[in-house]
Amino acid sequence: LGAGVLMLSPGLVRLGDLTLWRDSPAVQAEP
């Protein structure tokens, strides 16, 4: 499970970007 968290770490970084949530919320919803 820790390896899975490492694989999702790039998506976790993008979750804090509010501009991406306004531009493409569907893309942000996947991670």
Full PDB file with SEQRES, HELIX, SHEET, SSBOND, CRYST1, ORIGX, SCALE, CONECT and MASTER records, all heavy atoms in Angstrom:
SEQRES   1 A   31  LEU GLY ALA GLY VAL LEU MET LEU SER PRO GLY LEU VAL          
SEQRES   2 A   31  ARG LEU GLY ASP LEU THR LEU TRP ARG ASP SER PRO ALA          
SEQRES   3 A   31  VAL GLN ALA GLU PRO                                          
HELIX    1 AA1 GLY A    2  MET A    7  1                                   6    
HELIX    2 AA2 SER A    9  ARG A   14  1                                   6    
HELIX    3 AA3 LEU A   18  ASP A   23  1                                   6    
HELIX    4 AA4 PRO A   25  ALA A   29  1                                   5    
CRYST1    1.000    1.000    1.000  90.00  90.00  90.00 P 1           1          
ORIGX1      1.000000  0.000000  0.000000        0.00000                         
ORIGX2      0.000000  1.000000  0.000000        0.00000                         
ORIGX3      0.000000  0.000000  1.000000        0.00000                         
SCALE1      1.000000  0.000000  0.000000        0.00000                         
SCALE2      0.000000  1.000000  0.000000        0.00000                         
SCALE3      0.000000  0.000000  1.000000        0.00000                         
ATOM      1  N   LEU A   1       0.819  -1.205   0.000  1.00  0.00           N  
ATOM      2  CA  LEU A   1       0.000   0.000   0.000  1.00  0.00           C  
ATOM      3  C   LEU A   1       0.859   1.264   0.000  1.00  0.00           C  
ATOM      4  O   LEU A   1       0.484   2.281  -0.595  1.00  0.00           O  
ATOM      5  CB  LEU A   1      -0.922  -0.008   1.219  1.00  0.00           C  
ATOM      6  CG  LEU A   1      -1.968  -1.140   1.228  1.00  0.00           C  
ATOM      7  CD1 LEU A   1      -2.729  -1.140   2.534  1.00  0.00           C  
ATOM      8  CD2 LEU A   1      -2.929  -0.985   0.050  1.00  0.00           C  
ATOM      9  N   GLY A   2       2.022   1.184   0.646  1.00  0.00           N  
ATOM     10  CA  GLY A   2       2.921   2.333   0.599  1.00  0.00           C  
ATOM     11  C   GLY A   2       3.447   2.591  -0.801  1.00  0.00           C  
ATOM     12  O   GLY A   2       3.625   3.758  -1.210  1.00  0.00           O  
ATOM     13  N   ALA A   3       3.703   1.525  -1.556  1.00  0.00           N  
ATOM     14  CA  ALA A   3       4.128   1.707  -2.953  1.00  0.00           C  
ATOM     15  C   ALA A   3       3.025   2.361  -3.767  1.00  0.00           C  
ATOM     16  O   ALA A   3       3.292   3.195  -4.665  1.00  0.00           O  
ATOM     17  CB  ALA A   3       4.510   0.356  -3.554  1.00  0.00           C  
ATOM     18  N   GLY A   4       1.768   2.011  -3.477  1.00  0.00           N  
ATOM     19  CA  GLY A   4       0.653   2.667  -4.164  1.00  0.00           C  
ATOM     20  C   GLY A   4       0.592   4.152  -3.855  1.00  0.00           C  
ATOM     21  O   GLY A   4       0.288   4.972  -4.739  1.00  0.00           O  
ATOM     22  N   VAL A   5       0.869   4.509  -2.614  1.00  0.00           N  
ATOM     23  CA  VAL A   5       0.885   5.928  -2.255  1.00  0.00           C  
ATOM     24  C   VAL A   5       1.990   6.664  -3.006  1.00  0.00           C  
ATOM     25  O   VAL A   5       1.802   7.797  -3.472  1.00  0.00           O  
ATOM     26  CB  VAL A   5       1.049   6.073  -0.728  1.00  0.00           C  
ATOM     27  CG1 VAL A   5       1.257   7.537  -0.343  1.00  0.00           C  
ATOM     28  CG2 VAL A   5      -0.164   5.505  -0.002  1.00  0.00           C  
ATOM     29  N   LEU A   6       3.151   6.013  -3.151  1.00  0.00           N  
ATOM     30  CA  LEU A   6       4.240   6.648  -3.896  1.00  0.00           C  
ATOM     31  C   LEU A   6       3.879   6.837  -5.367  1.00  0.00           C  
ATOM     32  O   LEU A   6       4.251   7.841  -5.992  1.00  0.00           O  
ATOM     33  CB  LEU A   6       5.511   5.816  -3.764  1.00  0.00           C  
ATOM     34  CG  LEU A   6       6.154   5.792  -2.364  1.00  0.00           C  
ATOM     35  CD1 LEU A   6       7.363   4.866  -2.356  1.00  0.00           C  
ATOM     36  CD2 LEU A   6       6.548   7.201  -1.942  1.00  0.00           C  
ATOM     37  N   MET A   7       3.162   5.887  -5.926  1.00  0.00           N  
ATOM     38  CA  MET A   7       2.752   6.015  -7.317  1.00  0.00           C  
ATOM     39  C   MET A   7       1.752   7.149  -7.513  1.00  0.00           C  
ATOM     40  O   MET A   7       1.711   7.787  -8.570  1.00  0.00           O  
ATOM     41  CB  MET A   7       2.142   4.698  -7.800  1.00  0.00           C  
ATOM     42  CG  MET A   7       3.138   3.557  -7.897  1.00  0.00           C  
ATOM     43  SD  MET A   7       2.364   1.984  -8.344  1.00  0.00           S  
ATOM     44  CE  MET A   7       1.695   2.410  -9.965  1.00  0.00           C  
ATOM     45  N   LEU A   8       0.953   7.399  -6.495  1.00  0.00           N  
ATOM     46  CA  LEU A   8      -0.039   8.474  -6.594  1.00  0.00           C  
ATOM     47  C   LEU A   8       0.488   9.815  -6.092  1.00  0.00           C  
ATOM     48  O   LEU A   8      -0.277  10.794  -6.055  1.00  0.00           O  
ATOM     49  CB  LEU A   8      -1.292   8.103  -5.801  1.00  0.00           C  
ATOM     50  CG  LEU A   8      -2.101   6.904  -6.310  1.00  0.00           C  
ATOM     51  CD1 LEU A   8      -3.239   6.613  -5.362  1.00  0.00           C  
ATOM     52  CD2 LEU A   8      -2.627   7.171  -7.721  1.00  0.00           C  
ATOM     53  N   SER A   9       1.732   9.875  -5.691  1.00  0.00           N  
ATOM     54  CA  SER A   9       2.263  11.129  -5.149  1.00  0.00           C  
ATOM     55  C   SER A   9       2.228  12.298  -6.129  1.00  0.00           C  
ATOM     56  O   SER A   9       1.938  13.430  -5.712  1.00  0.00           O  
ATOM     57  CB  SER A   9       3.690  10.908  -4.640  1.00  0.00           C  
ATOM     58  OG  SER A   9       4.523  10.403  -5.671  1.00  0.00           O  
ATOM     59  N   PRO A  10       2.486  12.110  -7.433  1.00  0.00           N  
ATOM     60  CA  PRO A  10       2.349  13.268  -8.328  1.00  0.00           C  
ATOM     61  C   PRO A  10       0.926  13.816  -8.377  1.00  0.00           C  
ATOM     62  O   PRO A  10       0.720  15.042  -8.429  1.00  0.00           O  
ATOM     63  CB  PRO A  10       2.764  12.709  -9.693  1.00  0.00           C  
ATOM     64  CG  PRO A  10       3.654  11.558  -9.374  1.00  0.00           C  
ATOM     65  CD  PRO A  10       3.057  10.963  -8.160  1.00  0.00           C  
ATOM     66  N   GLY A  11      -0.058  12.936  -8.380  1.00  0.00           N  
ATOM     67  CA  GLY A  11      -1.437  13.413  -8.363  1.00  0.00           C  
ATOM     68  C   GLY A  11      -1.789  14.101  -7.057  1.00  0.00           C  
ATOM     69  O   GLY A  11      -2.604  15.031  -7.042  1.00  0.00           O  
ATOM     70  N   LEU A  12      -1.184  13.654  -5.958  1.00  0.00           N  
ATOM     71  CA  LEU A  12      -1.437  14.299  -4.678  1.00  0.00           C  
ATOM     72  C   LEU A  12      -0.909  15.723  -4.645  1.00  0.00           C  
ATOM     73  O   LEU A  12      -1.506  16.609  -4.012  1.00  0.00           O  
ATOM     74  CB  LEU A  12      -0.790  13.483  -3.549  1.00  0.00           C  
ATOM     75  CG  LEU A  12      -1.374  12.088  -3.293  1.00  0.00           C  
ATOM     76  CD1 LEU A  12      -0.577  11.362  -2.205  1.00  0.00           C  
ATOM     77  CD2 LEU A  12      -2.840  12.168  -2.903  1.00  0.00           C  
ATOM     78  N   VAL A  13       0.190  15.960  -5.349  1.00  0.00           N  
ATOM     79  CA  VAL A  13       0.743  17.322  -5.392  1.00  0.00           C  
ATOM     80  C   VAL A  13      -0.185  18.249  -6.160  1.00  0.00           C  
ATOM     81  O   VAL A  13      -0.413  19.406  -5.779  1.00  0.00           O  
ATOM     82  CB  VAL A  13       2.147  17.308  -6.013  1.00  0.00           C  
ATOM     83  CG1 VAL A  13       2.673  18.729  -6.187  1.00  0.00           C  
ATOM     84  CG2 VAL A  13       3.098  16.496  -5.144  1.00  0.00           C  
ATOM     85  N   ARG A  14      -0.805  17.743  -7.229  1.00  0.00           N  
ATOM     86  CA  ARG A  14      -1.688  18.582  -8.044  1.00  0.00           C  
ATOM     87  C   ARG A  14      -3.049  18.831  -7.402  1.00  0.00           C  
ATOM     88  O   ARG A  14      -3.783  19.707  -7.834  1.00  0.00           O  
ATOM     89  CB  ARG A  14      -1.912  17.925  -9.409  1.00  0.00           C  
ATOM     90  CG  ARG A  14      -0.677  17.892 -10.302  1.00  0.00           C  
ATOM     91  CD  ARG A  14      -1.065  17.626 -11.738  1.00  0.00           C  
ATOM     92  NE  ARG A  14      -1.784  16.365 -11.877  1.00  0.00           N  
ATOM     93  CZ  ARG A  14      -1.193  15.193 -12.145  1.00  0.00           C  
ATOM     94  NH1 ARG A  14       0.136  15.137 -12.268  1.00  0.00           N  
ATOM     95  NH2 ARG A  14      -1.904  14.090 -12.269  1.00  0.00           N  
ATOM     96  N   LEU A  15      -3.361  18.082  -6.369  1.00  0.00           N  
ATOM     97  CA  LEU A  15      -4.666  18.293  -5.731  1.00  0.00           C  
ATOM     98  C   LEU A  15      -4.752  19.642  -5.022  1.00  0.00           C  
ATOM     99  O   LEU A  15      -5.850  20.173  -4.826  1.00  0.00           O  
ATOM    100  CB  LEU A  15      -4.941  17.169  -4.717  1.00  0.00           C  
ATOM    101  CG  LEU A  15      -5.250  15.783  -5.306  1.00  0.00           C  
ATOM    102  CD1 LEU A  15      -5.439  14.774  -4.192  1.00  0.00           C  
ATOM    103  CD2 LEU A  15      -6.493  15.838  -6.196  1.00  0.00           C  
ATOM    104  N   GLY A  16      -3.630  20.214  -4.643  1.00  0.00           N  
ATOM    105  CA  GLY A  16      -3.659  21.508  -3.975  1.00  0.00           C  
ATOM    106  C   GLY A  16      -3.717  22.698  -4.895  1.00  0.00           C  
ATOM    107  O   GLY A  16      -3.816  23.845  -4.418  1.00  0.00           O  
ATOM    108  N   ASP A  17      -3.682  22.467  -6.192  1.00  0.00           N  
ATOM    109  CA  ASP A  17      -3.720  23.574  -7.167  1.00  0.00           C  
ATOM    110  C   ASP A  17      -5.177  23.925  -7.462  1.00  0.00           C  
ATOM    111  O   ASP A  17      -5.923  23.159  -8.086  1.00  0.00           O  
ATOM    112  CB  ASP A  17      -2.997  23.160  -8.447  1.00  0.00           C  
ATOM    113  CG  ASP A  17      -2.701  24.362  -9.342  1.00  0.00           C  
ATOM    114  OD1 ASP A  17      -3.200  25.464  -9.030  1.00  0.00           O  
ATOM    115  OD2 ASP A  17      -1.985  24.178 -10.333  1.00  0.00           O  
ATOM    116  N   LEU A  18      -5.600  25.128  -7.032  1.00  0.00           N  
ATOM    117  CA  LEU A  18      -6.992  25.532  -7.212  1.00  0.00           C  
ATOM    118  C   LEU A  18      -7.304  25.900  -8.663  1.00  0.00           C  
ATOM    119  O   LEU A  18      -8.449  25.757  -9.113  1.00  0.00           O  
ATOM    120  CB  LEU A  18      -7.308  26.711  -6.297  1.00  0.00           C  
ATOM    121  CG  LEU A  18      -7.177  26.440  -4.787  1.00  0.00           C  
ATOM    122  CD1 LEU A  18      -7.482  27.700  -3.992  1.00  0.00           C  
ATOM    123  CD2 LEU A  18      -8.117  25.316  -4.380  1.00  0.00           C  
ATOM    124  N   THR A  19      -6.303  26.373  -9.395  1.00  0.00           N  
ATOM    125  CA  THR A  19      -6.547  26.728 -10.794  1.00  0.00           C  
ATOM    126  C   THR A  19      -6.899  25.498 -11.625  1.00  0.00           C  
ATOM    127  O   THR A  19      -7.754  25.571 -12.522  1.00  0.00           O  
ATOM    128  CB  THR A  19      -5.307  27.411 -11.372  1.00  0.00           C  
ATOM    129  OG1 THR A  19      -4.179  26.536 -11.259  1.00  0.00           O  
ATOM    130  CG2 THR A  19      -5.012  28.709 -10.626  1.00  0.00           C  
ATOM    131  N   LEU A  20      -6.250  24.377 -11.341  1.00  0.00           N  
ATOM    132  CA  LEU A  20      -6.586  23.145 -12.048  1.00  0.00           C  
ATOM    133  C   LEU A  20      -7.994  22.667 -11.709  1.00  0.00           C  
ATOM    134  O   LEU A  20      -8.689  22.095 -12.551  1.00  0.00           O  
ATOM    135  CB  LEU A  20      -5.564  22.047 -11.722  1.00  0.00           C  
ATOM    136  CG  LEU A  20      -4.140  22.290 -12.234  1.00  0.00           C  
ATOM    137  CD1 LEU A  20      -3.204  21.170 -11.788  1.00  0.00           C  
ATOM    138  CD2 LEU A  20      -4.147  22.377 -13.777  1.00  0.00           C  
ATOM    139  N   TRP A  21      -8.427  22.929 -10.478  1.00  0.00           N  
ATOM    140  CA  TRP A  21      -9.790  22.573 -10.123  1.00  0.00           C  
ATOM    141  C   TRP A  21     -10.803  23.423 -10.890  1.00  0.00           C  
ATOM    142  O   TRP A  21     -11.869  22.932 -11.279  1.00  0.00           O  
ATOM    143  CB  TRP A  21     -10.011  22.748  -8.611  1.00  0.00           C  
ATOM    144  CG  TRP A  21      -9.477  21.610  -7.783  1.00  0.00           C  
ATOM    145  CD1 TRP A  21      -8.340  21.598  -7.068  1.00  0.00           C  
ATOM    146  CD2 TRP A  21     -10.092  20.333  -7.609  1.00  0.00           C  
ATOM    147  NE1 TRP A  21      -8.172  20.388  -6.433  1.00  0.00           N  
ATOM    148  CE2 TRP A  21      -9.247  19.586  -6.757  1.00  0.00           C  
ATOM    149  CE3 TRP A  21     -11.259  19.750  -8.099  1.00  0.00           C  
ATOM    150  CZ2 TRP A  21      -9.536  18.284  -6.362  1.00  0.00           C  
ATOM    151  CZ3 TRP A  21     -11.555  18.456  -7.710  1.00  0.00           C  
ATOM    152  CH2 TRP A  21     -10.714  17.722  -6.854  1.00  0.00           C  
ATOM    153  N   ARG A  22     -10.471  24.709 -11.142  1.00  0.00           N  
ATOM    154  CA  ARG A  22     -11.399  25.548 -11.905  1.00  0.00           C  
ATOM    155  C   ARG A  22     -11.365  25.225 -13.393  1.00  0.00           C  
ATOM    156  O   ARG A  22     -12.390  25.240 -14.075  1.00  0.00           O  
ATOM    157  CB  ARG A  22     -11.030  27.027 -11.693  1.00  0.00           C  
ATOM    158  CG  ARG A  22     -11.366  27.559 -10.302  1.00  0.00           C  
ATOM    159  CD  ARG A  22     -11.319  29.076 -10.282  1.00  0.00           C  
ATOM    160  NE  ARG A  22      -9.963  29.542 -10.626  1.00  0.00           N  
ATOM    161  CZ  ARG A  22      -9.026  29.828  -9.721  1.00  0.00           C  
ATOM    162  NH1 ARG A  22      -9.279  29.659  -8.424  1.00  0.00           N  
ATOM    163  NH2 ARG A  22      -7.838  30.258 -10.106  1.00  0.00           N  
ATOM    164  N   ASP A  23     -10.176  24.890 -13.926  1.00  0.00           N  
ATOM    165  CA  ASP A  23     -10.071  24.650 -15.365  1.00  0.00           C  
ATOM    166  C   ASP A  23     -10.564  23.254 -15.754  1.00  0.00           C  
ATOM    167  O   ASP A  23     -11.347  23.103 -16.693  1.00  0.00           O  
ATOM    168  CB  ASP A  23      -8.616  24.837 -15.821  1.00  0.00           C  
ATOM    169  CG  ASP A  23      -8.144  26.277 -15.631  1.00  0.00           C  
ATOM    170  OD1 ASP A  23      -9.019  27.164 -15.528  1.00  0.00           O  
ATOM    171  OD2 ASP A  23      -6.917  26.486 -15.526  1.00  0.00           O  
ATOM    172  N   SER A  24     -10.079  22.230 -15.044  1.00  0.00           N  
ATOM    173  CA  SER A  24     -10.446  20.838 -15.384  1.00  0.00           C  
ATOM    174  C   SER A  24     -10.730  20.061 -14.108  1.00  0.00           C  
ATOM    175  O   SER A  24      -9.864  19.356 -13.591  1.00  0.00           O  
ATOM    176  CB  SER A  24      -9.322  20.165 -16.169  1.00  0.00           C  
ATOM    177  OG  SER A  24      -8.104  20.238 -15.436  1.00  0.00           O  
ATOM    178  N   PRO A  25     -11.928  20.188 -13.581  1.00  0.00           N  
ATOM    179  CA  PRO A  25     -12.244  19.462 -12.334  1.00  0.00           C  
ATOM    180  C   PRO A  25     -12.309  17.948 -12.538  1.00  0.00           C  
ATOM    181  O   PRO A  25     -12.033  17.197 -11.614  1.00  0.00           O  
ATOM    182  CB  PRO A  25     -13.604  20.026 -11.930  1.00  0.00           C  
ATOM    183  CG  PRO A  25     -14.177  20.589 -13.174  1.00  0.00           C  
ATOM    184  CD  PRO A  25     -13.023  21.047 -14.013  1.00  0.00           C  
ATOM    185  N   ALA A  26     -12.663  17.511 -13.756  1.00  0.00           N  
ATOM    186  CA  ALA A  26     -12.740  16.062 -13.980  1.00  0.00           C  
ATOM    187  C   ALA A  26     -11.365  15.413 -13.886  1.00  0.00           C  
ATOM    188  O   ALA A  26     -11.207  14.292 -13.375  1.00  0.00           O  
ATOM    189  CB  ALA A  26     -13.357  15.779 -15.338  1.00  0.00           C  
ATOM    190  N   VAL A  27     -10.357  16.125 -14.390  1.00  0.00           N  
ATOM    191  CA  VAL A  27      -8.995  15.585 -14.324  1.00  0.00           C  
ATOM    192  C   VAL A  27      -8.514  15.531 -12.877  1.00  0.00           C  
ATOM    193  O   VAL A  27      -7.836  14.577 -12.458  1.00  0.00           O  
ATOM    194  CB  VAL A  27      -8.051  16.438 -15.195  1.00  0.00           C  
ATOM    195  CG1 VAL A  27      -6.617  15.973 -15.076  1.00  0.00           C  
ATOM    196  CG2 VAL A  27      -8.507  16.419 -16.648  1.00  0.00           C  
ATOM    197  N   GLN A  28      -8.872  16.525 -12.088  1.00  0.00           N  
ATOM    198  CA  GLN A  28      -8.461  16.537 -10.684  1.00  0.00           C  
ATOM    199  C   GLN A  28      -9.223  15.511  -9.848  1.00  0.00           C  
ATOM    200  O   GLN A  28      -8.727  15.076  -8.814  1.00  0.00           O  
ATOM    201  CB  GLN A  28      -8.681  17.933 -10.093  1.00  0.00           C  
ATOM    202  CG  GLN A  28      -7.725  18.998 -10.627  1.00  0.00           C  
ATOM    203  CD  GLN A  28      -6.304  18.738 -10.174  1.00  0.00           C  
ATOM    204  OE1 GLN A  28      -5.518  18.130 -10.910  1.00  0.00           O  
ATOM    205  NE2 GLN A  28      -5.961  19.198  -8.991  1.00  0.00           N  
ATOM    206  N   ALA A  29     -10.403  15.159 -10.319  1.00  0.00           N  
ATOM    207  CA  ALA A  29     -11.204  14.190  -9.543  1.00  0.00           C  
ATOM    208  C   ALA A  29     -10.621  12.777  -9.624  1.00  0.00           C  
ATOM    209  O   ALA A  29     -10.842  11.975  -8.712  1.00  0.00           O  
ATOM    210  CB  ALA A  29     -12.645  14.196 -10.028  1.00  0.00           C  
ATOM    211  N   GLU A  30      -9.908  12.477 -10.711  1.00  0.00           N  
ATOM    212  CA  GLU A  30      -9.347  11.130 -10.846  1.00  0.00           C  
ATOM    213  C   GLU A  30      -8.312  10.802  -9.764  1.00  0.00           C  
ATOM    214  O   GLU A  30      -8.418   9.768  -9.094  1.00  0.00           O  
ATOM    215  CB  GLU A  30      -8.749  10.964 -12.238  1.00  0.00           C  
ATOM    216  CG  GLU A  30      -9.798  10.976 -13.350  1.00  0.00           C  
ATOM    217  CD  GLU A  30      -9.174  10.821 -14.721  1.00  0.00           C  
ATOM    218  OE1 GLU A  30      -7.911  10.707 -14.780  1.00  0.00           O  
ATOM    219  OE2 GLU A  30      -9.913  10.820 -15.717  1.00  0.00           O  
ATOM    220  N   PRO A  31      -7.295  11.643  -9.551  1.00  0.00           N  
ATOM    221  CA  PRO A  31      -6.354  11.311  -8.460  1.00  0.00           C  
ATOM    222  C   PRO A  31      -7.001  11.352  -7.090  1.00  0.00           C  
ATOM    223  O   PRO A  31      -6.618  10.596  -6.193  1.00  0.00           O  
ATOM    224  CB  PRO A  31      -5.251  12.370  -8.600  1.00  0.00           C  
ATOM    225  CG  PRO A  31      -5.854  13.472  -9.365  1.00  0.00           C  
ATOM    226  CD  PRO A  31      -6.841  12.845 -10.291  1.00  0.00           C  
TER     227      PRO A  31                                                      
MASTER        0    0    0    4    0    0    0    6  226    1    0    3          
END                                                                             
